[in-house]
Amino acid sequence: MLEGNTSEIARFREQLALEEEAARLGLYGLASGTARHDFILKRMEQGAEHILRLIEAGKHEEARALAESDTWCDLQGVPHE
């Protein structure tokens, strides 16, 4: 990193290069897609746990409605009618 007595243009160029590298690593780095996958998986697990709690509470119709909802189908990757 540039320090000390550098020009504003030099600092700007270095910042731009760092941002470009960060973007490249974000798109094509070894971990690309991992965070999104983890987020989706966690959200699906939470939805399934909620449905199971509804069933355990005897709210079968509510659980079924949620399981068959568009949102749940979209998370599961299941086509819906």
Foldseek 3Di string as FASTA:
>chain_A
DDDDDDDPVVVVVVVVVVVVVVVCCQCDNPCHPVVVVVVLVVVLVVLVVVLVVCVVVVVPVVSVCSCLDPVNCVSVVHDHD
